[in-house]
Amino acid sequence: MLELDNLKVDDVSSPTIIRSKLSNRIAAIMNLGASVRINKLGVSIIGGVLLMVVLVYRNSGSSEGAEMSLEMAQTGARVSLKKLLAAAIDAADRGGKIVYQIREEATLHEQSKGKTKEGANDPVTDGDIKSHMAMFNSIKNAFPGVEVISEEHVNSDVNQQAVAPAATSNEEVNSVITDDLTVPIEDVRVWIDPLDATQEYTENLRQYVTTMVCVAVKGLATIGVINKPFSNFIAWGWTGHGVSPKLHISKDQTGPKDDIAHIIVSRSHTGDVEVVAKSAFGDKTNITQAGGAGFKTLAVIQGDADAYVHSTAIKKWDLCAGNAILNALQGKMTTLDGASIDYSSREMYKNEGGLLATLYNHDMYLEKLKVLKSTKSH
């Protein structure tokens, strides 16, 4: 028997009152049903929004043109620099193995990006492209929210998710560095050069070839990895934390060895450096021409040259890794005006101010070479 607030339907003592109360209760029940239907609609809308968020997240980072992954957008998201160092080493090693294999098989498929402003050929090979895909995707899959800036910009059919994430632990790093540091993910830029010294690579001058990864924090070159794939040698450094134990570091702090300045310069972009250096340091100045910014920076670090000098424009992915290792060793890499190089922006990928890299006596070299100006670009 249906009861409504103690009012029984079969109570006929007051039919008018019964009908009134019954009508009110039925209306209330109908309103309740309407309310339930609105809630179901709301749930459907919320579910649709969540599905869209998931789809956006899955698609973010799937290409270099992606604006920003969900992880980077999160307020307060942080990244471990020790893990990034391990990943950088792994990525540089992967790229190096590809570069080595393609050179061994002589399947370079060389093309040209065009001419530099100095008239030199700017080649690209399968080594550049395939190394880029391995290095870029492995880092992105390990750190989806980190912005990675590469020399190459390849739209490929390769599925990013098919590339295994870069390893985030390294035995050698763990043996040298026991602490860690996390930083806001929005402060981090990873610069990669999948194949430095491509011109020399096409000429089979293997000693100059490197693959490089750099981690910049707030624009400062902080972690650097330089891999020489044809020498089976990887150098790395993390500013304020340590450097690769395999890295031979020059101990000559007194000035140019043998009282002769040993200057290393580019094979293809010598500019005015040779004339100015001999004017500044004397006719006995030793000028070495070499390929690859990574090779030349390592030459300074290991004592094979006193200074690396470049007077024309140069791309920052060529510089960042070597700059970071020099920073870790308290050396310096600056423009020819003595300004630090800022690695915070993808858009500002050229260093237009010339270059001086030294392990010691930086200010002396700056003073001697102050007449050099960066008046050319490529």
Protein backbone atom coordinates (compact mmCIF):
# COMPACT_ATOMS: atom_id res chain seq x y z
CA MET A 1 0.00 0.00 0.00
CA LEU A 2 1.54 3.36 -1.08
CA GLU A 3 2.04 5.86 1.75
CA LEU A 4 2.78 9.56 1.39
CA ASP A 5 3.78 11.20 4.67
CA ASN A 6 1.46 8.91 6.65
CA LEU A 7 -1.35 9.57 4.18
CA LYS A 8 -2.78 6.35 2.85
CA VAL A 9 -4.21 6.16 -0.66
CA ASP A 10 -7.25 4.19 0.57
CA ASP A 11 -8.10 6.84 3.12
CA VAL A 12 -11.28 8.32 1.60
CA SER A 13 -12.17 10.61 4.48
CA SER A 14 -10.74 13.57 2.62
CA PRO A 15 -10.52 12.84 -1.13
CA THR A 16 -9.76 16.43 -2.13
CA ILE A 17 -6.82 16.64 0.23
CA ILE A 18 -5.60 13.22 -0.91
CA ARG A 19 -5.66 14.21 -4.55
CA SER A 20 -3.78 17.43 -3.78
CA LYS A 21 -1.03 15.76 -1.76
CA LEU A 22 -0.74 12.89 -4.23
CA SER A 23 -0.32 15.33 -7.11
CA ASN A 24 2.40 17.18 -5.18
CA ARG A 25 4.30 13.94 -4.51
CA ILE A 26 4.09 12.74 -8.07
CA ALA A 27 5.39 16.12 -9.26
CA ALA A 28 8.30 15.84 -6.81
CA ILE A 29 9.14 12.37 -8.11
CA MET A 30 9.06 13.64 -11.70
CA ASN A 31 11.36 16.55 -10.76
CA LEU A 32 13.77 14.06 -9.17
CA GLY A 33 13.87 12.12 -12.42
CA ALA A 34 14.61 15.27 -14.35
CA SER A 35 17.45 16.01 -11.95
CA VAL A 36 18.93 12.55 -12.50
CA ARG A 37 18.81 13.01 -16.27
CA ILE A 38 20.75 16.31 -15.99
CA ASN A 39 23.42 14.60 -13.90
CA LYS A 40 23.84 11.88 -16.51
CA LEU A 41 24.36 14.55 -19.16
CA GLY A 42 26.97 16.22 -16.98
CA VAL A 43 28.81 12.94 -16.51
CA SER A 44 28.83 12.42 -20.28
CA ILE A 45 30.28 15.88 -20.86
CA ILE A 46 32.99 15.36 -18.25
CA GLY A 47 33.84 11.98 -19.76
CA GLY A 48 34.19 13.55 -23.20
CA VAL A 49 36.53 16.24 -21.89
CA LEU A 50 38.71 13.66 -20.15
CA LEU A 51 38.91 11.61 -23.35
CA MET A 52 40.06 14.67 -25.28
CA VAL A 53 42.77 15.36 -22.67
CA VAL A 54 44.04 11.79 -22.98
CA LEU A 55 44.16 12.02 -26.77
CA VAL A 56 46.03 15.34 -26.65
CA TYR A 57 48.53 13.89 -24.19
CA ARG A 58 49.15 10.81 -26.33
CA ASN A 59 49.73 12.93 -29.40
CA SER A 60 51.93 15.54 -27.70
CA GLY A 61 55.64 15.14 -28.41
CA SER A 62 54.92 12.79 -31.33
CA SER A 63 56.68 15.24 -33.63
CA GLU A 64 59.17 18.06 -33.33
CA GLY A 65 56.44 20.52 -34.19
CA ALA A 66 54.36 19.69 -31.14
CA GLU A 67 53.78 22.84 -29.11
CA MET A 68 54.26 21.42 -25.67
CA SER A 69 53.57 18.15 -23.91
CA LEU A 70 51.16 17.89 -21.00
CA GLU A 71 54.07 17.15 -18.68
CA MET A 72 55.78 20.42 -19.53
CA ALA A 73 52.53 22.31 -19.05
CA GLN A 74 52.15 21.03 -15.52
CA THR A 75 52.96 23.61 -12.89
CA GLY A 76 55.86 22.55 -10.74
CA ALA A 77 56.99 19.62 -12.96
CA ARG A 78 60.69 18.93 -12.39
CA VAL A 79 63.39 16.85 -14.06
CA SER A 80 66.43 15.03 -12.66
CA LEU A 81 69.67 16.33 -14.18
CA LYS A 82 71.54 13.16 -13.25
CA LYS A 83 69.02 11.10 -15.21
CA LEU A 84 69.24 13.57 -18.10
CA LEU A 85 73.02 13.17 -18.11
CA ALA A 86 72.68 9.39 -18.35
CA ALA A 87 70.12 9.77 -21.13
CA ALA A 88 72.39 12.20 -22.99
CA ILE A 89 75.25 9.70 -22.89
CA ASP A 90 73.00 6.91 -24.13
CA ALA A 91 71.54 9.05 -26.93
CA ALA A 92 74.98 10.22 -28.12
CA ASP A 93 76.18 6.62 -28.08
CA ARG A 94 73.18 5.44 -30.12
CA GLY A 95 73.68 8.17 -32.68
CA GLY A 96 77.39 7.36 -32.87
CA LYS A 97 76.74 3.69 -33.60
CA ILE A 98 74.45 4.65 -36.50
CA VAL A 99 76.96 7.16 -37.88
CA TYR A 100 79.70 4.53 -37.68
CA GLN A 101 77.64 1.83 -39.39
CA ILE A 102 76.53 4.05 -42.28
CA ARG A 103 80.10 5.24 -42.90
CA GLU A 104 81.37 1.65 -42.82
CA GLU A 105 78.73 0.56 -45.32
CA ALA A 106 79.37 3.66 -47.46
CA THR A 107 75.61 4.27 -47.68
CA LEU A 108 75.74 8.00 -46.94
CA HIS A 109 73.29 9.14 -49.65
CA GLU A 110 74.76 12.62 -49.43
CA GLN A 111 72.60 15.61 -50.29
CA SER A 112 73.21 19.33 -49.93
CA LYS A 113 71.32 21.83 -47.82
CA GLY A 114 72.87 24.52 -50.01
CA LYS A 115 75.87 26.79 -49.69
CA THR A 116 77.02 28.72 -46.67
CA LYS A 117 77.48 32.47 -46.99
CA GLU A 118 81.18 31.75 -47.29
CA GLY A 119 80.49 29.49 -50.27
CA ALA A 120 81.15 26.16 -48.56
CA ASN A 121 78.90 23.19 -49.20
CA ASP A 122 76.51 22.33 -46.35
CA PRO A 123 75.91 18.60 -46.76
CA VAL A 124 73.47 16.23 -45.06
CA THR A 125 73.65 12.44 -45.12
CA ASP A 126 71.72 9.41 -43.96
CA GLY A 127 74.12 9.44 -41.01
CA ASP A 128 72.81 12.85 -39.93
CA ILE A 129 69.17 11.94 -40.41
CA LYS A 130 69.12 8.47 -38.86
CA SER A 131 71.30 9.56 -35.96
CA HIS A 132 68.90 12.45 -35.36
CA MET A 133 65.88 10.15 -35.28
CA ALA A 134 67.51 7.82 -32.76
CA MET A 135 68.85 10.58 -30.51
CA PHE A 136 65.84 12.90 -30.62
CA ASN A 137 63.21 10.19 -30.11
CA SER A 138 65.08 8.34 -27.38
CA ILE A 139 65.38 11.51 -25.30
CA LYS A 140 61.78 12.55 -25.97
CA ASN A 141 60.50 9.12 -24.96
CA ALA A 142 62.48 9.23 -21.72
CA PHE A 143 61.52 12.85 -20.96
CA PRO A 144 58.34 13.72 -22.89
CA GLY A 145 58.08 17.20 -21.40
CA VAL A 146 61.63 18.37 -22.18
CA GLU A 147 62.19 20.56 -25.23
CA VAL A 148 64.76 19.01 -27.56
CA ILE A 149 66.43 21.18 -30.22
CA SER A 150 68.24 19.41 -33.05
CA GLU A 151 70.31 20.48 -36.02
CA GLU A 152 68.15 18.29 -38.23
CA HIS A 153 64.42 18.76 -38.75
CA VAL A 154 63.15 15.60 -40.38
CA ASN A 155 59.56 14.57 -40.95
CA SER A 156 59.92 10.82 -40.91
CA ASP A 157 57.68 7.80 -41.09
CA VAL A 158 59.53 6.41 -38.08
CA ASN A 159 57.15 5.88 -35.16
CA GLN A 160 58.57 7.81 -32.21
CA GLN A 161 57.09 5.35 -29.75
CA ALA A 162 58.94 2.49 -31.46
CA VAL A 163 62.27 3.99 -30.34
CA ALA A 164 63.30 2.75 -26.91
CA PRO A 165 63.62 5.53 -24.30
CA ALA A 166 67.16 6.59 -23.48
CA ALA A 167 68.62 4.94 -20.39
CA THR A 168 68.32 7.13 -17.29
CA SER A 169 71.08 5.47 -15.29
CA ASN A 170 74.76 5.16 -16.18
CA GLU A 171 77.33 3.16 -14.23
CA GLU A 172 80.21 5.55 -14.92
CA VAL A 173 78.14 8.58 -13.92
CA ASN A 174 77.06 6.82 -10.72
CA SER A 175 80.70 6.06 -9.86
CA VAL A 176 81.64 9.76 -10.13
CA ILE A 177 78.50 11.58 -8.99
CA THR A 178 76.55 10.51 -5.92
CA ASP A 179 74.15 13.43 -5.60
CA ASP A 180 71.43 14.71 -7.91
CA LEU A 181 69.67 17.95 -8.70
CA THR A 182 66.15 18.46 -10.00
CA VAL A 183 65.13 21.62 -11.83
CA PRO A 184 61.85 22.97 -13.23
CA ILE A 185 61.23 21.31 -16.57
CA GLU A 186 60.43 24.62 -18.22
CA ASP A 187 64.00 25.80 -17.51
CA VAL A 188 65.55 22.95 -19.53
CA ARG A 189 66.55 22.86 -23.19
CA VAL A 190 68.36 19.87 -24.71
CA TRP A 191 70.50 20.68 -27.75
CA ILE A 192 71.64 17.80 -29.97
CA ASP A 193 73.99 17.60 -32.93
CA PRO A 194 73.40 14.18 -34.48
CA LEU A 195 76.56 14.40 -36.60
CA ASP A 196 79.09 17.18 -36.21
CA ALA A 197 81.63 17.58 -39.05
CA THR A 198 79.36 16.26 -41.80
CA GLN A 199 81.68 17.61 -44.53
CA GLU A 200 84.58 15.66 -43.05
CA TYR A 201 82.30 12.62 -42.70
CA THR A 202 81.66 12.66 -46.45
CA GLU A 203 85.43 12.93 -47.04
CA ASN A 204 86.03 9.94 -44.72
CA LEU A 205 88.02 12.12 -42.28
CA ARG A 206 86.59 10.15 -39.40
CA GLN A 207 88.71 11.57 -36.60
CA TYR A 208 86.76 14.86 -36.66
CA VAL A 209 83.29 13.34 -36.42
CA THR A 210 81.28 13.55 -33.18
CA THR A 211 77.73 13.19 -31.93
CA MET A 212 76.79 15.63 -29.17
CA VAL A 213 74.13 16.30 -26.56
CA CYS A 214 73.90 19.31 -24.25
CA VAL A 215 71.53 20.16 -21.41
CA ALA A 216 71.07 23.88 -20.86
CA VAL A 217 69.37 25.17 -17.70
CA LYS A 218 68.05 28.74 -17.84
CA GLY A 219 70.20 29.26 -20.93
CA LEU A 220 73.45 28.08 -19.29
CA ALA A 221 75.33 25.13 -20.82
CA THR A 222 75.21 22.75 -17.85
CA ILE A 223 75.67 19.16 -19.06
CA GLY A 224 77.67 18.20 -22.14
CA VAL A 225 78.38 14.91 -23.92
CA ILE A 226 80.76 14.58 -26.87
CA ASN A 227 81.02 11.15 -28.49
CA LYS A 228 83.80 10.30 -30.96
CA PRO A 229 82.25 7.20 -32.55
CA PHE A 230 85.31 6.24 -34.60
CA SER A 231 87.57 6.39 -31.53
CA ASN A 232 85.20 4.64 -29.12
CA PHE A 233 85.48 7.61 -26.76
CA ILE A 234 82.77 9.52 -24.91
CA ALA A 235 83.54 12.65 -22.88
CA TRP A 236 81.00 14.19 -20.54
CA GLY A 237 80.79 16.89 -17.91
CA TRP A 238 78.23 18.32 -15.51
CA THR A 239 78.98 21.79 -14.18
CA GLY A 240 79.53 21.72 -10.44
CA HIS A 241 79.28 17.93 -10.19
CA GLY A 242 81.97 16.13 -12.18
CA VAL A 243 83.46 15.03 -15.49
CA SER A 244 84.19 11.79 -17.27
CA PRO A 245 87.14 9.98 -15.63
CA LYS A 246 88.37 8.99 -19.10
CA LEU A 247 88.80 12.62 -20.13
CA HIS A 248 92.46 13.67 -20.34
CA ILE A 249 92.62 17.26 -19.09
CA SER A 250 95.45 19.64 -19.90
CA LYS A 251 97.35 20.85 -16.84
CA ASP A 252 99.23 23.64 -18.61
CA GLN A 253 97.98 26.77 -16.84
CA THR A 254 100.96 29.05 -17.41
CA GLY A 255 100.24 30.14 -20.98
CA PRO A 256 101.03 28.96 -24.50
CA LYS A 257 103.26 25.90 -24.38
CA ASP A 258 106.79 26.39 -25.72
CA ASP A 259 106.02 30.12 -25.80
CA ILE A 260 104.14 29.44 -29.02
CA ALA A 261 100.40 29.96 -29.19
CA HIS A 262 98.62 26.91 -30.57
CA ILE A 263 95.35 28.02 -32.13
CA ILE A 264 92.82 25.62 -33.62
CA VAL A 265 90.43 26.89 -36.28
CA SER A 266 87.86 25.56 -38.72
CA ARG A 267 88.87 23.92 -41.99
CA SER A 268 85.95 25.49 -43.84
CA HIS A 269 85.33 28.76 -41.95
CA THR A 270 88.81 30.09 -41.17
CA GLY A 271 87.85 33.72 -41.71
CA ASP A 272 90.45 36.24 -40.54
CA VAL A 273 91.66 34.14 -37.62
CA GLU A 274 95.00 33.02 -39.05
CA VAL A 275 96.15 36.51 -40.01
CA VAL A 276 94.99 38.08 -36.75
CA ALA A 277 96.44 35.30 -34.57
CA LYS A 278 99.87 35.59 -36.14
CA SER A 279 99.70 39.36 -35.77
CA ALA A 280 98.77 38.98 -32.09
CA PHE A 281 101.08 36.12 -31.07
CA GLY A 282 103.89 36.30 -33.61
CA ASP A 283 104.82 34.54 -36.82
CA LYS A 284 105.65 31.34 -34.93
CA THR A 285 102.02 30.96 -33.91
CA ASN A 286 100.88 27.44 -34.70
CA ILE A 287 97.57 27.39 -36.58
CA THR A 288 95.81 24.03 -36.85
CA GLN A 289 92.85 23.61 -39.15
CA ALA A 290 90.38 20.95 -38.09
CA GLY A 291 86.79 19.88 -38.70
CA GLY A 292 83.99 19.83 -36.17
CA ALA A 293 83.39 22.14 -33.22
CA GLY A 294 83.25 19.17 -30.86
CA PHE A 295 86.67 17.94 -31.99
CA LYS A 296 88.20 21.40 -31.64
CA THR A 297 86.81 21.97 -28.15
CA LEU A 298 88.14 18.60 -27.01
CA ALA A 299 91.53 19.57 -28.45
CA VAL A 300 91.57 22.59 -26.12
CA ILE A 301 90.44 20.56 -23.12
CA GLN A 302 93.06 17.86 -23.69
CA GLY A 303 95.92 20.29 -24.30
CA ASP A 304 96.35 19.82 -28.05
CA ALA A 305 95.50 23.49 -28.57
CA ASP A 306 95.57 26.57 -26.35
CA ALA A 307 92.52 28.21 -27.88
CA TYR A 308 89.73 27.47 -30.32
CA VAL A 309 88.88 30.58 -32.31
CA HIS A 310 86.06 31.16 -34.78
CA SER A 311 85.27 34.54 -36.32
CA THR A 312 82.06 33.85 -38.27
CA ALA A 313 78.57 32.80 -37.19
CA ILE A 314 78.17 29.28 -35.84
CA LYS A 315 75.15 27.22 -34.74
CA LYS A 316 74.60 26.66 -31.04
CA TRP A 317 74.11 22.89 -31.34
CA ASP A 318 77.76 22.84 -32.49
CA LEU A 319 78.86 24.62 -29.31
CA CYS A 320 76.66 23.75 -26.37
CA ALA A 321 78.12 20.36 -25.38
CA GLY A 322 81.72 21.59 -25.49
CA ASN A 323 80.71 24.76 -23.65
CA ALA A 324 79.17 22.68 -20.85
CA ILE A 325 82.26 20.48 -20.45
CA LEU A 326 84.47 23.58 -20.34
CA ASN A 327 82.16 25.06 -17.70
CA ALA A 328 82.50 21.86 -15.67
CA LEU A 329 86.31 22.27 -15.84
CA GLN A 330 86.16 26.02 -15.06
CA GLY A 331 87.27 26.84 -18.57
CA LYS A 332 85.43 29.36 -20.74
CA MET A 333 83.63 29.62 -24.05
CA THR A 334 82.44 33.10 -25.02
CA THR A 335 81.89 35.34 -27.99
CA LEU A 336 84.88 37.38 -29.14
CA ASP A 337 83.46 40.23 -27.06
CA GLY A 338 83.65 38.06 -23.94
CA ALA A 339 79.88 37.53 -23.63
CA SER A 340 78.44 34.22 -22.46
CA ILE A 341 76.41 32.25 -25.01
CA ASP A 342 72.71 31.88 -24.22
CA TYR A 343 71.09 28.53 -25.03
CA SER A 344 67.56 29.27 -23.84
CA SER A 345 65.82 29.80 -27.18
CA ARG A 346 65.19 27.52 -30.15
CA GLU A 347 64.63 30.57 -32.34
CA MET A 348 68.02 32.10 -31.48
CA TYR A 349 70.03 29.11 -32.71
CA LYS A 350 72.91 31.09 -34.21
CA ASN A 351 75.82 32.54 -32.30
CA GLU A 352 76.68 35.65 -34.28
CA GLY A 353 79.45 37.01 -32.06
CA GLY A 354 82.36 34.81 -33.02
CA LEU A 355 83.90 32.32 -30.60
CA LEU A 356 86.78 31.87 -28.20
CA ALA A 357 87.15 28.67 -26.17
CA THR A 358 89.99 28.17 -23.67
CA LEU A 359 90.74 26.10 -20.62
CA TYR A 360 93.10 28.72 -19.17
CA ASN A 361 94.05 32.40 -19.69
CA HIS A 362 90.80 33.32 -21.41
CA ASP A 363 91.05 37.06 -20.77
CA MET A 364 94.55 37.20 -22.23
CA TYR A 365 93.38 35.58 -25.46
CA LEU A 366 90.36 37.89 -25.61
CA GLU A 367 92.62 40.92 -25.36
CA LYS A 368 95.01 39.63 -28.01
CA LEU A 369 92.21 38.75 -30.44
CA LYS A 370 89.96 41.75 -29.81
CA VAL A 371 90.37 43.00 -33.38
CA LEU A 372 88.52 39.96 -34.69
CA LYS A 373 84.90 40.78 -35.48
CA SER A 374 82.04 38.52 -36.44
CA THR A 375 81.16 40.13 -39.74
CA LYS A 376 80.23 37.00 -41.64
CA SER A 377 77.55 34.35 -41.15
CA HIS A 378 76.63 31.06 -42.75
